[in-house]
Amino acid sequence: MALTRIVTSRLTRSVLLNNISPGELEEYFGPSYPKIAQFSSLLVDLGIPRGLIGPREADRIWERHILNCAGVCEVLPSEGTILDLGSGAGLPGLIIAIMRPGQNVILLESLQRRTKWLSEMADMLDLANV
């Protein structure tokens, strides 16, 4: 767990300095990286026009959202169901679901346009655990 914190800290600093490489992200996320990268792109390309995130978030999607959400996985229990209450754009719920494919993740959202988004993303990302 300590090594993960060091890597997360280093990656966060690198992103903030715009020195992060896709290789570093790939190394950190491991087998989850392709879906994480896909979700990141979808969030920018489709989420901004839908008003799920602001237009200024596009340039800082990794450091402000994706890596912060990934850090939550470090403190979650490794067994049981995870509930993301007020899921919004799927942060952190969809990131958790991608990183924890063996755990069920419940995304609970009251707004219909957001629940539609969450369902679309779970389908597009082939997340059977959501």
N, C-alpha and C. Protein backbone atom coordinates (compact mmCIF):
# COMPACT_ATOMS: atom_id res chain seq x y z
N MET A 1 0.82 -1.20 0.00
CA MET A 1 0.00 0.00 0.00
C MET A 1 0.87 1.26 0.00
N ALA A 2 1.97 1.25 0.71
CA ALA A 2 2.85 2.42 0.75
C ALA A 2 3.42 2.73 -0.63
N LEU A 3 3.80 1.68 -1.37
CA LEU A 3 4.33 1.88 -2.72
C LEU A 3 3.27 2.52 -3.61
N THR A 4 2.02 2.08 -3.48
CA THR A 4 0.94 2.66 -4.26
C THR A 4 0.79 4.14 -3.96
N ARG A 5 0.89 4.52 -2.71
CA ARG A 5 0.79 5.94 -2.33
C ARG A 5 1.93 6.75 -2.95
N ILE A 6 3.13 6.19 -2.95
CA ILE A 6 4.27 6.89 -3.53
C ILE A 6 4.05 7.08 -5.03
N VAL A 7 3.62 6.02 -5.70
CA VAL A 7 3.37 6.09 -7.14
C VAL A 7 2.27 7.11 -7.43
N THR A 8 1.18 7.07 -6.65
CA THR A 8 0.09 8.01 -6.85
C THR A 8 0.57 9.43 -6.66
N SER A 9 1.34 9.67 -5.62
CA SER A 9 1.87 10.99 -5.36
C SER A 9 2.76 11.46 -6.50
N ARG A 10 3.64 10.59 -6.96
CA ARG A 10 4.56 10.93 -8.04
C ARG A 10 3.79 11.22 -9.31
N LEU A 11 2.79 10.38 -9.63
CA LEU A 11 2.00 10.59 -10.84
C LEU A 11 1.21 11.88 -10.76
N THR A 12 0.64 12.16 -9.61
CA THR A 12 -0.12 13.39 -9.45
C THR A 12 0.77 14.59 -9.67
N ARG A 13 1.95 14.58 -9.08
CA ARG A 13 2.90 15.69 -9.29
C ARG A 13 3.28 15.81 -10.75
N SER A 14 3.55 14.68 -11.41
CA SER A 14 3.93 14.69 -12.81
C SER A 14 2.83 15.28 -13.68
N VAL A 15 1.59 14.88 -13.41
CA VAL A 15 0.47 15.39 -14.19
C VAL A 15 0.36 16.89 -14.00
N LEU A 16 0.49 17.32 -12.75
CA LEU A 16 0.39 18.75 -12.47
C LEU A 16 1.47 19.53 -13.22
N LEU A 17 2.59 18.92 -13.43
CA LEU A 17 3.69 19.58 -14.14
C LEU A 17 3.66 19.27 -15.64
N ASN A 18 2.61 18.57 -16.09
CA ASN A 18 2.46 18.18 -17.49
C ASN A 18 3.63 17.33 -17.99
N ASN A 19 4.23 16.55 -17.11
CA ASN A 19 5.34 15.69 -17.50
C ASN A 19 4.97 14.22 -17.47
N ILE A 20 3.71 13.91 -17.37
CA ILE A 20 3.31 12.51 -17.26
C ILE A 20 3.35 11.85 -18.63
N SER A 21 3.75 10.62 -18.63
CA SER A 21 3.78 9.88 -19.89
C SER A 21 2.67 8.83 -19.86
N PRO A 22 2.18 8.47 -21.03
CA PRO A 22 1.21 7.38 -21.07
C PRO A 22 1.76 6.10 -20.46
N GLY A 23 3.05 5.89 -20.58
CA GLY A 23 3.67 4.71 -19.98
C GLY A 23 3.55 4.68 -18.47
N GLU A 24 3.70 5.85 -17.84
CA GLU A 24 3.55 5.92 -16.38
C GLU A 24 2.11 5.61 -15.97
N LEU A 25 1.17 6.16 -16.71
CA LEU A 25 -0.23 5.89 -16.40
C LEU A 25 -0.54 4.42 -16.61
N GLU A 26 -0.05 3.87 -17.70
CA GLU A 26 -0.27 2.46 -18.00
C GLU A 26 0.31 1.57 -16.91
N GLU A 27 1.49 1.93 -16.42
CA GLU A 27 2.14 1.16 -15.35
C GLU A 27 1.32 1.24 -14.07
N TYR A 28 0.84 2.42 -13.72
CA TYR A 28 0.08 2.59 -12.49
C TYR A 28 -1.25 1.85 -12.53
N PHE A 29 -1.99 2.01 -13.62
CA PHE A 29 -3.32 1.40 -13.70
C PHE A 29 -3.31 -0.06 -14.14
N GLY A 30 -2.21 -0.51 -14.69
CA GLY A 30 -2.09 -1.90 -15.10
C GLY A 30 -3.18 -2.30 -16.10
N PRO A 31 -3.80 -3.46 -15.88
CA PRO A 31 -4.79 -3.94 -16.83
C PRO A 31 -6.06 -3.05 -16.91
N SER A 32 -6.24 -2.17 -15.97
CA SER A 32 -7.39 -1.27 -15.99
C SER A 32 -7.18 -0.08 -16.92
N TYR A 33 -5.94 0.16 -17.33
CA TYR A 33 -5.62 1.38 -18.07
C TYR A 33 -6.45 1.59 -19.34
N PRO A 34 -6.63 0.60 -20.20
CA PRO A 34 -7.39 0.86 -21.43
C PRO A 34 -8.80 1.40 -21.16
N LYS A 35 -9.49 0.82 -20.20
CA LYS A 35 -10.84 1.30 -19.89
C LYS A 35 -10.81 2.66 -19.19
N ILE A 36 -9.81 2.88 -18.35
CA ILE A 36 -9.67 4.18 -17.68
C ILE A 36 -9.44 5.27 -18.74
N ALA A 37 -8.55 5.00 -19.68
CA ALA A 37 -8.25 5.96 -20.75
C ALA A 37 -9.48 6.20 -21.62
N GLN A 38 -10.21 5.13 -21.90
CA GLN A 38 -11.43 5.26 -22.71
C GLN A 38 -12.46 6.13 -21.97
N PHE A 39 -12.65 5.87 -20.68
CA PHE A 39 -13.60 6.67 -19.91
C PHE A 39 -13.16 8.13 -19.85
N SER A 40 -11.88 8.37 -19.67
CA SER A 40 -11.37 9.73 -19.64
C SER A 40 -11.72 10.47 -20.93
N SER A 41 -11.50 9.82 -22.05
CA SER A 41 -11.82 10.42 -23.35
C SER A 41 -13.32 10.66 -23.50
N LEU A 42 -14.12 9.68 -23.09
CA LEU A 42 -15.57 9.83 -23.19
C LEU A 42 -16.06 10.96 -22.30
N LEU A 43 -15.48 11.07 -21.13
CA LEU A 43 -15.87 12.13 -20.20
C LEU A 43 -15.61 13.51 -20.80
N VAL A 44 -14.49 13.66 -21.46
CA VAL A 44 -14.17 14.94 -22.10
C VAL A 44 -15.03 15.15 -23.35
N ASP A 45 -15.07 14.14 -24.23
CA ASP A 45 -15.74 14.30 -25.52
C ASP A 45 -17.27 14.36 -25.42
N LEU A 46 -17.84 13.58 -24.51
CA LEU A 46 -19.29 13.52 -24.40
C LEU A 46 -19.82 14.15 -23.11
N GLY A 47 -19.02 14.12 -22.07
CA GLY A 47 -19.48 14.65 -20.78
C GLY A 47 -19.54 16.16 -20.72
N ILE A 48 -18.61 16.83 -21.37
CA ILE A 48 -18.62 18.30 -21.37
C ILE A 48 -19.85 18.83 -22.08
N PRO A 49 -20.17 18.36 -23.31
CA PRO A 49 -21.37 18.87 -23.97
C PRO A 49 -22.66 18.59 -23.19
N ARG A 50 -22.67 17.54 -22.39
CA ARG A 50 -23.86 17.21 -21.58
C ARG A 50 -23.88 17.95 -20.25
N GLY A 51 -22.86 18.72 -19.98
CA GLY A 51 -22.82 19.49 -18.74
C GLY A 51 -22.46 18.67 -17.52
N LEU A 52 -21.83 17.53 -17.70
CA LEU A 52 -21.45 16.69 -16.58
C LEU A 52 -20.16 17.15 -15.92
N ILE A 53 -19.28 17.73 -16.71
CA ILE A 53 -18.09 18.40 -16.19
C ILE A 53 -17.93 19.70 -16.97
N GLY A 54 -17.23 20.64 -16.39
CA GLY A 54 -17.03 21.93 -17.04
C GLY A 54 -16.00 21.87 -18.15
N PRO A 55 -16.09 22.78 -19.10
CA PRO A 55 -15.15 22.79 -20.23
C PRO A 55 -13.69 22.99 -19.82
N ARG A 56 -13.45 23.67 -18.72
CA ARG A 56 -12.06 23.87 -18.28
C ARG A 56 -11.45 22.62 -17.66
N GLU A 57 -12.26 21.60 -17.43
CA GLU A 57 -11.77 20.36 -16.83
C GLU A 57 -11.04 19.47 -17.82
N ALA A 58 -11.22 19.71 -19.11
CA ALA A 58 -10.64 18.84 -20.13
C ALA A 58 -9.12 18.72 -19.99
N ASP A 59 -8.45 19.82 -19.77
CA ASP A 59 -6.98 19.81 -19.68
C ASP A 59 -6.46 19.23 -18.37
N ARG A 60 -7.32 19.10 -17.40
CA ARG A 60 -6.85 18.58 -16.11
C ARG A 60 -7.65 17.36 -15.64
N ILE A 61 -8.21 16.64 -16.61
CA ILE A 61 -9.07 15.50 -16.28
C ILE A 61 -8.32 14.41 -15.51
N TRP A 62 -7.06 14.16 -15.88
CA TRP A 62 -6.31 13.10 -15.21
C TRP A 62 -5.96 13.48 -13.78
N GLU A 63 -5.35 14.64 -13.58
CA GLU A 63 -4.89 14.97 -12.23
C GLU A 63 -6.02 15.37 -11.31
N ARG A 64 -7.04 15.99 -11.83
CA ARG A 64 -8.11 16.49 -10.96
C ARG A 64 -9.19 15.47 -10.70
N HIS A 65 -9.35 14.54 -11.62
CA HIS A 65 -10.46 13.59 -11.49
C HIS A 65 -10.01 12.13 -11.47
N ILE A 66 -9.37 11.69 -12.52
CA ILE A 66 -9.06 10.27 -12.66
C ILE A 66 -8.12 9.78 -11.56
N LEU A 67 -7.00 10.45 -11.36
CA LEU A 67 -6.05 10.01 -10.32
C LEU A 67 -6.61 10.19 -8.91
N ASN A 68 -7.38 11.24 -8.68
CA ASN A 68 -8.00 11.41 -7.36
C ASN A 68 -8.97 10.27 -7.07
N CYS A 69 -9.75 9.89 -8.07
CA CYS A 69 -10.69 8.78 -7.89
C CYS A 69 -9.95 7.46 -7.68
N ALA A 70 -8.87 7.27 -8.42
CA ALA A 70 -8.10 6.04 -8.27
C ALA A 70 -7.54 5.91 -6.86
N GLY A 71 -7.20 7.03 -6.26
CA GLY A 71 -6.68 7.01 -4.89
C GLY A 71 -7.68 6.49 -3.88
N VAL A 72 -8.96 6.65 -4.17
CA VAL A 72 -10.01 6.15 -3.27
C VAL A 72 -9.94 4.64 -3.15
N CYS A 73 -9.55 3.97 -4.21
CA CYS A 73 -9.47 2.50 -4.19
C CYS A 73 -8.54 1.98 -3.12
N GLU A 74 -7.54 2.76 -2.78
CA GLU A 74 -6.57 2.33 -1.77
C GLU A 74 -7.19 2.13 -0.39
N VAL A 75 -8.25 2.86 -0.09
CA VAL A 75 -8.83 2.79 1.25
C VAL A 75 -10.14 2.01 1.31
N LEU A 76 -10.60 1.52 0.18
CA LEU A 76 -11.84 0.75 0.16
C LEU A 76 -11.57 -0.69 0.57
N PRO A 77 -12.55 -1.32 1.18
CA PRO A 77 -12.38 -2.75 1.50
C PRO A 77 -12.26 -3.56 0.21
N SER A 78 -11.55 -4.66 0.27
CA SER A 78 -11.32 -5.47 -0.93
C SER A 78 -12.46 -6.45 -1.20
N GLU A 79 -13.43 -6.51 -0.30
CA GLU A 79 -14.58 -7.40 -0.48
C GLU A 79 -15.85 -6.61 -0.24
N GLY A 80 -16.95 -7.13 -0.77
CA GLY A 80 -18.25 -6.52 -0.55
C GLY A 80 -18.65 -5.59 -1.68
N THR A 81 -19.85 -5.05 -1.55
CA THR A 81 -20.40 -4.13 -2.54
C THR A 81 -20.03 -2.70 -2.18
N ILE A 82 -19.75 -1.91 -3.21
CA ILE A 82 -19.38 -0.51 -3.02
C ILE A 82 -20.50 0.35 -3.55
N LEU A 83 -20.90 1.36 -2.79
CA LEU A 83 -21.96 2.28 -3.17
C LEU A 83 -21.38 3.66 -3.41
N ASP A 84 -21.65 4.20 -4.60
CA ASP A 84 -21.29 5.59 -4.92
C ASP A 84 -22.59 6.39 -4.87
N LEU A 85 -22.78 7.10 -3.79
CA LEU A 85 -24.01 7.86 -3.56
C LEU A 85 -23.87 9.25 -4.19
N GLY A 86 -24.76 9.56 -5.12
CA GLY A 86 -24.66 10.82 -5.85
C GLY A 86 -23.59 10.70 -6.92
N SER A 87 -23.73 9.73 -7.79
CA SER A 87 -22.68 9.34 -8.73
C SER A 87 -22.33 10.39 -9.78
N GLY A 88 -23.25 11.25 -10.13
CA GLY A 88 -22.96 12.32 -11.09
C GLY A 88 -22.43 11.80 -12.41
N ALA A 89 -21.23 12.22 -12.75
CA ALA A 89 -20.59 11.82 -14.01
C ALA A 89 -19.91 10.45 -13.90
N GLY A 90 -19.98 9.84 -12.72
CA GLY A 90 -19.35 8.53 -12.53
C GLY A 90 -18.02 8.59 -11.81
N LEU A 91 -17.81 9.71 -11.13
CA LEU A 91 -16.58 9.91 -10.37
C LEU A 91 -16.90 9.91 -8.89
N PRO A 92 -16.42 8.99 -8.15
CA PRO A 92 -15.42 7.98 -8.44
C PRO A 92 -15.97 6.62 -8.86
N GLY A 93 -17.30 6.45 -8.86
CA GLY A 93 -17.91 5.14 -9.04
C GLY A 93 -17.44 4.34 -10.25
N LEU A 94 -17.42 4.96 -11.43
CA LEU A 94 -17.00 4.21 -12.61
C LEU A 94 -15.51 3.88 -12.58
N ILE A 95 -14.72 4.78 -12.03
CA ILE A 95 -13.27 4.49 -11.89
C ILE A 95 -13.07 3.30 -10.96
N ILE A 96 -13.81 3.29 -9.86
CA ILE A 96 -13.72 2.17 -8.92
C ILE A 96 -14.16 0.88 -9.59
N ALA A 97 -15.26 0.93 -10.34
CA ALA A 97 -15.76 -0.26 -11.02
C ALA A 97 -14.74 -0.81 -12.01
N ILE A 98 -14.05 0.08 -12.69
CA ILE A 98 -13.01 -0.35 -13.65
C ILE A 98 -11.84 -0.98 -12.91
N MET A 99 -11.42 -0.36 -11.82
CA MET A 99 -10.25 -0.84 -11.09
C MET A 99 -10.55 -2.05 -10.20
N ARG A 100 -11.81 -2.24 -9.88
CA ARG A 100 -12.21 -3.36 -9.01
C ARG A 100 -13.25 -4.23 -9.72
N PRO A 101 -12.88 -4.88 -10.82
CA PRO A 101 -13.87 -5.65 -11.59
C PRO A 101 -14.49 -6.82 -10.83
N GLY A 102 -13.87 -7.25 -9.75
CA GLY A 102 -14.40 -8.36 -8.96
C GLY A 102 -15.39 -7.94 -7.89
N GLN A 103 -15.63 -6.65 -7.75
CA GLN A 103 -16.57 -6.15 -6.75
C GLN A 103 -17.74 -5.46 -7.43
N ASN A 104 -18.93 -5.66 -6.87
CA ASN A 104 -20.10 -4.96 -7.38
C ASN A 104 -20.04 -3.50 -6.93
N VAL A 105 -20.37 -2.61 -7.87
CA VAL A 105 -20.40 -1.18 -7.58
C VAL A 105 -21.79 -0.66 -7.94
N ILE A 106 -22.45 -0.09 -6.96
CA ILE A 106 -23.77 0.50 -7.17
C ILE A 106 -23.61 2.00 -7.35
N LEU A 107 -24.12 2.50 -8.47
CA LEU A 107 -24.09 3.93 -8.76
C LEU A 107 -25.50 4.46 -8.50
N LEU A 108 -25.62 5.33 -7.51
CA LEU A 108 -26.93 5.85 -7.12
C LEU A 108 -26.98 7.34 -7.44
N GLU A 109 -27.89 7.70 -8.34
CA GLU A 109 -28.01 9.07 -8.81
C GLU A 109 -29.49 9.41 -8.98
N SER A 110 -29.89 10.61 -8.57
CA SER A 110 -31.29 10.98 -8.63
C SER A 110 -31.71 11.66 -9.94
N LEU A 111 -30.77 12.25 -10.66
CA LEU A 111 -31.12 12.95 -11.90
C LEU A 111 -31.11 12.00 -13.10
N GLN A 112 -32.20 12.02 -13.85
CA GLN A 112 -32.36 11.10 -14.97
C GLN A 112 -31.27 11.24 -16.02
N ARG A 113 -30.89 12.47 -16.35
CA ARG A 113 -29.86 12.64 -17.39
C ARG A 113 -28.53 12.03 -16.94
N ARG A 114 -28.25 12.07 -15.66
CA ARG A 114 -27.02 11.46 -15.16
C ARG A 114 -27.13 9.94 -15.10
N THR A 115 -28.30 9.42 -14.73
CA THR A 115 -28.46 7.96 -14.70
C THR A 115 -28.36 7.40 -16.12
N LYS A 116 -28.86 8.14 -17.10
CA LYS A 116 -28.72 7.72 -18.49
C LYS A 116 -27.24 7.66 -18.87
N TRP A 117 -26.50 8.69 -18.51
CA TRP A 117 -25.05 8.73 -18.77
C TRP A 117 -24.35 7.54 -18.12
N LEU A 118 -24.65 7.29 -16.86
CA LEU A 118 -23.99 6.20 -16.13
C LEU A 118 -24.28 4.85 -16.78
N SER A 119 -25.52 4.64 -17.20
CA SER A 119 -25.88 3.39 -17.88
C SER A 119 -25.14 3.27 -19.21
N GLU A 120 -25.09 4.36 -19.96
CA GLU A 120 -24.37 4.35 -21.23
C GLU A 120 -22.89 4.03 -21.02
N MET A 121 -22.29 4.65 -20.03
CA MET A 121 -20.87 4.42 -19.78
C MET A 121 -20.61 2.98 -19.33
N ALA A 122 -21.45 2.46 -18.46
CA ALA A 122 -21.28 1.07 -18.01
C ALA A 122 -21.38 0.11 -19.20
N ASP A 123 -22.29 0.40 -20.12
CA ASP A 123 -22.42 -0.44 -21.33
C ASP A 123 -21.22 -0.27 -22.25
N MET A 124 -20.84 0.98 -22.52
CA MET A 124 -19.73 1.24 -23.44
C MET A 124 -18.41 0.68 -22.93
N LEU A 125 -18.24 0.70 -21.60
CA LEU A 125 -17.01 0.22 -20.99
C LEU A 125 -17.08 -1.27 -20.64
N ASP A 126 -18.24 -1.88 -20.92
CA ASP A 126 -18.45 -3.31 -20.65
C ASP A 126 -18.18 -3.64 -19.18
N LEU A 127 -18.82 -2.88 -18.30
CA LEU A 127 -18.65 -3.07 -16.86
C LEU A 127 -19.79 -3.94 -16.32
N ALA A 128 -19.53 -5.22 -16.19
CA ALA A 128 -20.54 -6.16 -15.72
C ALA A 128 -20.79 -6.02 -14.21
N ASN A 129 -19.90 -5.33 -13.50
CA ASN A 129 -20.02 -5.20 -12.05
C ASN A 129 -20.78 -3.95 -11.62
N VAL A 130 -21.35 -3.22 -12.55
CA VAL A 130 -22.13 -2.01 -12.21
C VAL A 130 -23.60 -2.34 -12.34
